[in-house]
Amino acid sequence: MSGEILMATNNPHKTERFKYYLNELGLTIVSYADIKKKVEVIEDGKTPEENALKKAKAGHDATGMTTFGVDYWFFIEGIPDEIQPGPYVRRIFTGKKGARKEATDEEMLDYYTKLIADLGGKTKGLWRSAIAMVTRAGKSYADSSTRDTVLTSVRSPNETRGEPLNSVQIDPKSGKYFTDMTKEEWLRLQSERERGYIRFFESHLDEL
């Protein structure tokens, strides 16, 4: 094991989470922002695994570093299939012949809180997530998992920049909004919910 591992993202909140998760394994995680690199990826995969691998491969090809990517698809209980977010969590449905548009954080919250309100103010959600890695030697690996969440139409006044849906998701165990948790509570919760990511890296430590 040597050097840094690149996370194929510009999202500082996601990078912070993974630095926290993987610190216990002695891994040093950096993002595109950390290495001042810009890499564009067309996320047109048919599964989150395909998209995660596209991100990892693009980062590896651009830098030569061991690179991993993550991808999240989202499903909301009670809404029609044609307007499910799926891979387009930020590209909200406009209602015009299936058209979608890239939304700001505020537009996302307005859109999703209305959907949830129309379902009675509370519903269940499902996140399907995938992680993929391409090592320095060019070997690739991928894994995926699912996790449940609770959604409410009543927004917390606190928000997470870049991940706005955290302010309408409630942790079933504590009853707290994700955004109302302390930083330590939030990172611990995410670490517990996404423990599979740590196991993924543990299984490949000898190749890093």
C-alpha atoms as a PDB file:
ATOM      1  CA  MET A   1       0.000   0.000   0.000  1.00  0.00           C
ATOM      2  CA  SER A   2       1.463   3.350  -0.997  1.00  0.00           C
ATOM      3  CA  GLY A   3       0.578   6.915  -1.972  1.00  0.00           C
ATOM      4  CA  GLU A   4      -2.734   8.671  -2.119  1.00  0.00           C
ATOM      5  CA  ILE A   5      -6.029   7.340  -3.426  1.00  0.00           C
ATOM      6  CA  LEU A   6      -8.138   9.621  -5.598  1.00  0.00           C
ATOM      7  CA  MET A   7     -11.874   9.935  -5.084  1.00  0.00           C
ATOM      8  CA  ALA A   8     -13.393  10.890  -8.427  1.00  0.00           C
ATOM      9  CA  THR A   9     -15.482  13.820  -7.222  1.00  0.00           C
ATOM     10  CA  ASN A  10     -15.483  17.575  -6.691  1.00  0.00           C
ATOM     11  CA  ASN A  11     -18.026  17.343  -3.865  1.00  0.00           C
ATOM     12  CA  PRO A  12     -16.244  18.330  -0.605  1.00  0.00           C
ATOM     13  CA  HIS A  13     -18.968  16.820   1.601  1.00  0.00           C
ATOM     14  CA  LYS A  14     -18.619  13.380   0.011  1.00  0.00           C
ATOM     15  CA  THR A  15     -14.840  13.587   0.179  1.00  0.00           C
ATOM     16  CA  GLU A  16     -14.979  14.448   3.886  1.00  0.00           C
ATOM     17  CA  ARG A  17     -17.151  11.411   4.561  1.00  0.00           C
ATOM     18  CA  PHE A  18     -14.792   9.022   2.814  1.00  0.00           C
ATOM     19  CA  LYS A  19     -11.729  10.507   4.472  1.00  0.00           C
ATOM     20  CA  TYR A  20     -13.490   9.791   7.768  1.00  0.00           C
ATOM     21  CA  TYR A  21     -14.515   6.238   6.785  1.00  0.00           C
ATOM     22  CA  LEU A  22     -11.135   5.200   5.476  1.00  0.00           C
ATOM     23  CA  ASN A  23      -8.921   6.901   8.024  1.00  0.00           C
ATOM     24  CA  GLU A  24      -9.173   3.781  10.189  1.00  0.00           C
ATOM     25  CA  LEU A  25      -7.531   1.801   7.383  1.00  0.00           C
ATOM     26  CA  GLY A  26      -4.648   4.251   7.136  1.00  0.00           C
ATOM     27  CA  LEU A  27      -5.691   5.396   3.650  1.00  0.00           C
ATOM     28  CA  THR A  28      -5.075   8.947   2.410  1.00  0.00           C
ATOM     29  CA  ILE A  29      -7.970  10.142   0.256  1.00  0.00           C
ATOM     30  CA  VAL A  30      -7.817  13.145  -2.069  1.00  0.00           C
ATOM     31  CA  SER A  31     -10.342  14.653  -4.483  1.00  0.00           C
ATOM     32  CA  TYR A  32     -10.017  16.476  -7.796  1.00  0.00           C
ATOM     33  CA  ALA A  33     -10.130  19.732  -5.852  1.00  0.00           C
ATOM     34  CA  ASP A  34      -7.182  18.615  -3.712  1.00  0.00           C
ATOM     35  CA  ILE A  35      -4.991  17.840  -6.725  1.00  0.00           C
ATOM     36  CA  LYS A  36      -6.377  20.732  -8.802  1.00  0.00           C
ATOM     37  CA  LYS A  37      -7.574  18.498 -11.610  1.00  0.00           C
ATOM     38  CA  LYS A  38     -10.742  18.729 -13.700  1.00  0.00           C
ATOM     39  CA  VAL A  39     -12.120  15.544 -15.251  1.00  0.00           C
ATOM     40  CA  GLU A  40     -15.456  15.351 -17.065  1.00  0.00           C
ATOM     41  CA  VAL A  41     -17.461  12.113 -17.152  1.00  0.00           C
ATOM     42  CA  ILE A  42     -20.684  11.363 -19.023  1.00  0.00           C
ATOM     43  CA  GLU A  43     -22.725   9.376 -16.512  1.00  0.00           C
ATOM     44  CA  ASP A  44     -24.856   7.385 -18.939  1.00  0.00           C
ATOM     45  CA  GLY A  45     -24.445   3.928 -17.419  1.00  0.00           C
ATOM     46  CA  LYS A  46     -27.458   1.657 -17.084  1.00  0.00           C
ATOM     47  CA  THR A  47     -26.654   0.875 -13.439  1.00  0.00           C
ATOM     48  CA  PRO A  48     -24.959   2.730 -10.586  1.00  0.00           C
ATOM     49  CA  GLU A  49     -22.110   0.218 -10.860  1.00  0.00           C
ATOM     50  CA  GLU A  50     -21.487   1.226 -14.470  1.00  0.00           C
ATOM     51  CA  ASN A  51     -21.455   4.922 -13.587  1.00  0.00           C
ATOM     52  CA  ALA A  52     -19.143   4.410 -10.613  1.00  0.00           C
ATOM     53  CA  LEU A  53     -16.725   2.483 -12.827  1.00  0.00           C
ATOM     54  CA  LYS A  54     -16.817   5.191 -15.507  1.00  0.00           C
ATOM     55  CA  LYS A  55     -15.824   7.755 -12.867  1.00  0.00           C
ATOM     56  CA  ALA A  56     -13.040   5.573 -11.487  1.00  0.00           C
ATOM     57  CA  LYS A  57     -11.638   4.791 -14.930  1.00  0.00           C
ATOM     58  CA  ALA A  58     -11.708   8.447 -16.010  1.00  0.00           C
ATOM     59  CA  GLY A  59      -9.810   9.500 -12.890  1.00  0.00           C
ATOM     60  CA  HIS A  60      -7.257   6.726 -13.287  1.00  0.00           C
ATOM     61  CA  ASP A  61      -6.725   7.498 -16.974  1.00  0.00           C
ATOM     62  CA  ALA A  62      -6.214  11.199 -16.221  1.00  0.00           C
ATOM     63  CA  THR A  63      -3.842  10.808 -13.265  1.00  0.00           C
ATOM     64  CA  GLY A  64      -2.434   7.277 -13.139  1.00  0.00           C
ATOM     65  CA  MET A  65      -3.550   7.128  -9.495  1.00  0.00           C
ATOM     66  CA  THR A  66      -5.594   4.428  -7.861  1.00  0.00           C
ATOM     67  CA  THR A  67      -9.048   5.980  -8.208  1.00  0.00           C
ATOM     68  CA  PHE A  68     -12.495   5.155  -6.895  1.00  0.00           C
ATOM     69  CA  GLY A  69     -15.897   6.515  -7.825  1.00  0.00           C
ATOM     70  CA  VAL A  70     -19.288   6.265  -6.164  1.00  0.00           C
ATOM     71  CA  ASP A  71     -22.730   6.608  -7.667  1.00  0.00           C
ATOM     72  CA  TYR A  72     -26.142   6.859  -6.027  1.00  0.00           C
ATOM     73  CA  TRP A  73     -29.594   6.112  -7.430  1.00  0.00           C
ATOM     74  CA  PHE A  74     -32.684   7.129  -5.490  1.00  0.00           C
ATOM     75  CA  PHE A  75     -36.218   5.735  -5.383  1.00  0.00           C
ATOM     76  CA  ILE A  76     -39.249   7.125  -3.559  1.00  0.00           C
ATOM     77  CA  GLU A  77     -42.074   4.894  -2.387  1.00  0.00           C
ATOM     78  CA  GLY A  78     -45.472   5.837  -3.817  1.00  0.00           C
ATOM     79  CA  ILE A  79     -44.579   7.790  -6.970  1.00  0.00           C
ATOM     80  CA  PRO A  80     -44.940   6.554 -10.580  1.00  0.00           C
ATOM     81  CA  ASP A  81     -41.990   4.848 -12.274  1.00  0.00           C
ATOM     82  CA  GLU A  82     -41.718   7.545 -14.932  1.00  0.00           C
ATOM     83  CA  ILE A  83     -40.858  10.246 -12.382  1.00  0.00           C
ATOM     84  CA  GLN A  84     -38.643   8.185 -10.080  1.00  0.00           C
ATOM     85  CA  PRO A  85     -35.334  10.000  -9.575  1.00  0.00           C
ATOM     86  CA  GLY A  86     -33.238   6.895 -10.267  1.00  0.00           C
ATOM     87  CA  PRO A  87     -29.840   8.162 -11.447  1.00  0.00           C
ATOM     88  CA  TYR A  88     -31.208  11.685 -11.981  1.00  0.00           C
ATOM     89  CA  VAL A  89     -31.514  12.880  -8.393  1.00  0.00           C
ATOM     90  CA  ARG A  90     -30.504  16.413  -9.328  1.00  0.00           C
ATOM     91  CA  ARG A  91     -32.215  16.420 -12.738  1.00  0.00           C
ATOM     92  CA  ILE A  92     -35.802  16.990 -11.672  1.00  0.00           C
ATOM     93  CA  PHE A  93     -38.859  16.096 -13.742  1.00  0.00           C
ATOM     94  CA  THR A  94     -40.532  19.130 -15.346  1.00  0.00           C
ATOM     95  CA  GLY A  95     -43.739  17.444 -16.490  1.00  0.00           C
ATOM     96  CA  LYS A  96     -43.218  18.293 -20.157  1.00  0.00           C
ATOM     97  CA  LYS A  97     -43.071  15.049 -22.149  1.00  0.00           C
ATOM     98  CA  GLY A  98     -40.725  13.461 -19.657  1.00  0.00           C
ATOM     99  CA  ALA A  99     -38.239  16.332 -19.767  1.00  0.00           C
ATOM    100  CA  ARG A 100     -35.913  16.945 -16.842  1.00  0.00           C
ATOM    101  CA  LYS A 101     -33.713  19.865 -15.896  1.00  0.00           C
ATOM    102  CA  GLU A 102     -30.582  20.279 -13.791  1.00  0.00           C
ATOM    103  CA  ALA A 103     -31.717  21.789 -10.496  1.00  0.00           C
ATOM    104  CA  THR A 104     -30.120  23.972  -7.866  1.00  0.00           C
ATOM    105  CA  ASP A 105     -30.220  22.867  -4.218  1.00  0.00           C
ATOM    106  CA  GLU A 106     -33.258  25.086  -3.601  1.00  0.00           C
ATOM    107  CA  GLU A 107     -35.086  23.818  -6.685  1.00  0.00           C
ATOM    108  CA  MET A 108     -34.446  20.241  -5.596  1.00  0.00           C
ATOM    109  CA  LEU A 109     -35.901  20.898  -2.160  1.00  0.00           C
ATOM    110  CA  ASP A 110     -38.983  22.634  -3.570  1.00  0.00           C
ATOM    111  CA  TYR A 111     -39.540  19.764  -6.002  1.00  0.00           C
ATOM    112  CA  TYR A 112     -39.053  16.880  -3.598  1.00  0.00           C
ATOM    113  CA  THR A 113     -40.952  18.406  -0.678  1.00  0.00           C
ATOM    114  CA  LYS A 114     -43.958  18.863  -2.968  1.00  0.00           C
ATOM    115  CA  LEU A 115     -43.737  15.235  -4.086  1.00  0.00           C
ATOM    116  CA  ILE A 116     -43.588  14.077  -0.479  1.00  0.00           C
ATOM    117  CA  ALA A 117     -46.420  16.409   0.574  1.00  0.00           C
ATOM    118  CA  ASP A 118     -48.611  14.884  -2.151  1.00  0.00           C
ATOM    119  CA  LEU A 119     -47.893  11.478  -0.574  1.00  0.00           C
ATOM    120  CA  GLY A 120     -49.187  12.644   2.813  1.00  0.00           C
ATOM    121  CA  GLY A 121     -46.115  14.413   4.133  1.00  0.00           C
ATOM    122  CA  LYS A 122     -43.956  11.381   4.837  1.00  0.00           C
ATOM    123  CA  THR A 123     -42.794   8.351   2.893  1.00  0.00           C
ATOM    124  CA  LYS A 124     -39.965   5.874   2.565  1.00  0.00           C
ATOM    125  CA  GLY A 125     -37.023   6.160   0.228  1.00  0.00           C
ATOM    126  CA  LEU A 126     -34.378   3.755  -1.003  1.00  0.00           C
ATOM    127  CA  TRP A 127     -30.806   4.622  -1.960  1.00  0.00           C
ATOM    128  CA  ARG A 128     -28.980   2.195  -4.218  1.00  0.00           C
ATOM    129  CA  SER A 129     -25.283   2.959  -4.168  1.00  0.00           C
ATOM    130  CA  ALA A 130     -22.229   1.564  -5.917  1.00  0.00           C
ATOM    131  CA  ILE A 131     -18.477   1.912  -5.538  1.00  0.00           C
ATOM    132  CA  ALA A 132     -15.867   1.061  -8.133  1.00  0.00           C
ATOM    133  CA  MET A 133     -12.091   1.287  -8.105  1.00  0.00           C
ATOM    134  CA  VAL A 134      -9.315   1.115 -10.680  1.00  0.00           C
ATOM    135  CA  THR A 135      -5.881   0.441  -9.176  1.00  0.00           C
ATOM    136  CA  ARG A 136      -2.555   1.815 -10.359  1.00  0.00           C
ATOM    137  CA  ALA A 137      -2.017  -1.532 -12.092  1.00  0.00           C
ATOM    138  CA  GLY A 138      -5.286  -1.057 -14.004  1.00  0.00           C
ATOM    139  CA  LYS A 139      -7.321  -3.724 -12.205  1.00  0.00           C
ATOM    140  CA  SER A 140     -10.945  -2.810 -11.579  1.00  0.00           C
ATOM    141  CA  TYR A 141     -13.379  -3.813  -8.836  1.00  0.00           C
ATOM    142  CA  ALA A 142     -16.956  -2.844  -7.979  1.00  0.00           C
ATOM    143  CA  ASP A 143     -19.599  -3.448  -5.324  1.00  0.00           C
ATOM    144  CA  SER A 144     -23.080  -2.143  -4.512  1.00  0.00           C
ATOM    145  CA  SER A 145     -25.564  -1.899  -1.653  1.00  0.00           C
ATOM    146  CA  THR A 146     -28.966  -0.471  -0.721  1.00  0.00           C
ATOM    147  CA  ARG A 147     -30.185   1.481   2.292  1.00  0.00           C
ATOM    148  CA  ASP A 148     -33.589   2.731   3.426  1.00  0.00           C
ATOM    149  CA  THR A 149     -34.430   6.241   4.530  1.00  0.00           C
ATOM    150  CA  VAL A 150     -37.441   8.252   5.769  1.00  0.00           C
ATOM    151  CA  LEU A 151     -38.502  11.361   3.855  1.00  0.00           C
ATOM    152  CA  THR A 152     -40.593  14.262   5.120  1.00  0.00           C
ATOM    153  CA  SER A 153     -42.090  17.289   3.408  1.00  0.00           C
ATOM    154  CA  VAL A 154     -41.212  19.495   6.409  1.00  0.00           C
ATOM    155  CA  ARG A 155     -37.731  20.851   5.805  1.00  0.00           C
ATOM    156  CA  SER A 156     -35.130  21.313   8.474  1.00  0.00           C
ATOM    157  CA  PRO A 157     -33.825  24.920   8.495  1.00  0.00           C
ATOM    158  CA  ASN A 158     -30.320  23.450   8.314  1.00  0.00           C
ATOM    159  CA  GLU A 159     -28.971  22.360   4.929  1.00  0.00           C
ATOM    160  CA  THR A 160     -25.970  20.528   3.523  1.00  0.00           C
ATOM    161  CA  ARG A 161     -24.550  22.356   0.536  1.00  0.00           C
ATOM    162  CA  GLY A 162     -24.383  19.992  -2.429  1.00  0.00           C
ATOM    163  CA  GLU A 163     -26.555  17.360  -0.713  1.00  0.00           C
ATOM    164  CA  PRO A 164     -29.848  19.207  -0.112  1.00  0.00           C
ATOM    165  CA  LEU A 165     -31.971  16.109   0.485  1.00  0.00           C
ATOM    166  CA  ASN A 166     -30.262  15.666   3.844  1.00  0.00           C
ATOM    167  CA  SER A 167     -32.613  18.361   5.184  1.00  0.00           C
ATOM    168  CA  VAL A 168     -35.725  16.282   4.371  1.00  0.00           C
ATOM    169  CA  GLN A 169     -34.370  12.909   5.514  1.00  0.00           C
ATOM    170  CA  ILE A 170     -34.834  11.617   9.049  1.00  0.00           C
ATOM    171  CA  ASP A 171     -32.759   8.966  10.776  1.00  0.00           C
ATOM    172  CA  PRO A 172     -35.298   6.354  11.991  1.00  0.00           C
ATOM    173  CA  LYS A 173     -33.123   5.468  14.991  1.00  0.00           C
ATOM    174  CA  SER A 174     -32.588   8.923  16.504  1.00  0.00           C
ATOM    175  CA  GLY A 175     -35.561  10.746  14.944  1.00  0.00           C
ATOM    176  CA  LYS A 176     -33.216  13.572  13.932  1.00  0.00           C
ATOM    177  CA  TYR A 177     -32.950  15.219  10.559  1.00  0.00           C
ATOM    178  CA  PHE A 178     -29.637  14.368   8.948  1.00  0.00           C
ATOM    179  CA  THR A 179     -28.745  18.062   8.932  1.00  0.00           C
ATOM    180  CA  ASP A 180     -29.613  18.523  12.631  1.00  0.00           C
ATOM    181  CA  MET A 181     -27.026  16.001  13.782  1.00  0.00           C
ATOM    182  CA  THR A 182     -23.666  17.075  15.073  1.00  0.00           C
ATOM    183  CA  LYS A 183     -20.795  16.528  12.664  1.00  0.00           C
ATOM    184  CA  GLU A 184     -19.644  13.569  14.747  1.00  0.00           C
ATOM    185  CA  GLU A 185     -23.163  12.023  14.834  1.00  0.00           C
ATOM    186  CA  TRP A 186     -23.534  12.469  11.073  1.00  0.00           C
ATOM    187  CA  LEU A 187     -20.197  10.929  10.177  1.00  0.00           C
ATOM    188  CA  ARG A 188     -20.769   8.032  12.576  1.00  0.00           C
ATOM    189  CA  LEU A 189     -24.242   7.395  11.129  1.00  0.00           C
ATOM    190  CA  GLN A 190     -22.972   7.435   7.575  1.00  0.00           C
ATOM    191  CA  SER A 191     -20.061   5.201   8.499  1.00  0.00           C
ATOM    192  CA  GLU A 192     -22.480   2.673  10.010  1.00  0.00           C
ATOM    193  CA  ARG A 193     -24.894   2.861   7.077  1.00  0.00           C
ATOM    194  CA  GLU A 194     -22.147   2.615   4.491  1.00  0.00           C
ATOM    195  CA  ARG A 195     -19.943   0.105   6.280  1.00  0.00           C
ATOM    196  CA  GLY A 196     -19.799  -1.870   3.061  1.00  0.00           C
ATOM    197  CA  TYR A 197     -17.450   0.740   1.607  1.00  0.00           C
ATOM    198  CA  ILE A 198     -14.937   0.086   4.367  1.00  0.00           C
ATOM    199  CA  ARG A 199     -15.201  -3.672   3.802  1.00  0.00           C
ATOM    200  CA  PHE A 200     -14.690  -3.054   0.067  1.00  0.00           C
ATOM    201  CA  PHE A 201     -11.346  -1.338   0.686  1.00  0.00           C
ATOM    202  CA  GLU A 202     -10.358  -3.849   3.356  1.00  0.00           C
ATOM    203  CA  SER A 203     -10.700  -6.646   0.803  1.00  0.00           C
ATOM    204  CA  HIS A 204      -8.307  -4.897  -1.598  1.00  0.00           C
ATOM    205  CA  LEU A 205      -5.727  -3.405   0.763  1.00  0.00           C
ATOM    206  CA  ASP A 206      -2.932  -5.591  -0.608  1.00  0.00           C
ATOM    207  CA  GLU A 207      -3.432  -4.036  -4.068  1.00  0.00           C
ATOM    208  CA  LEU A 208      -3.417  -0.379  -3.045  1.00  0.00           C
END
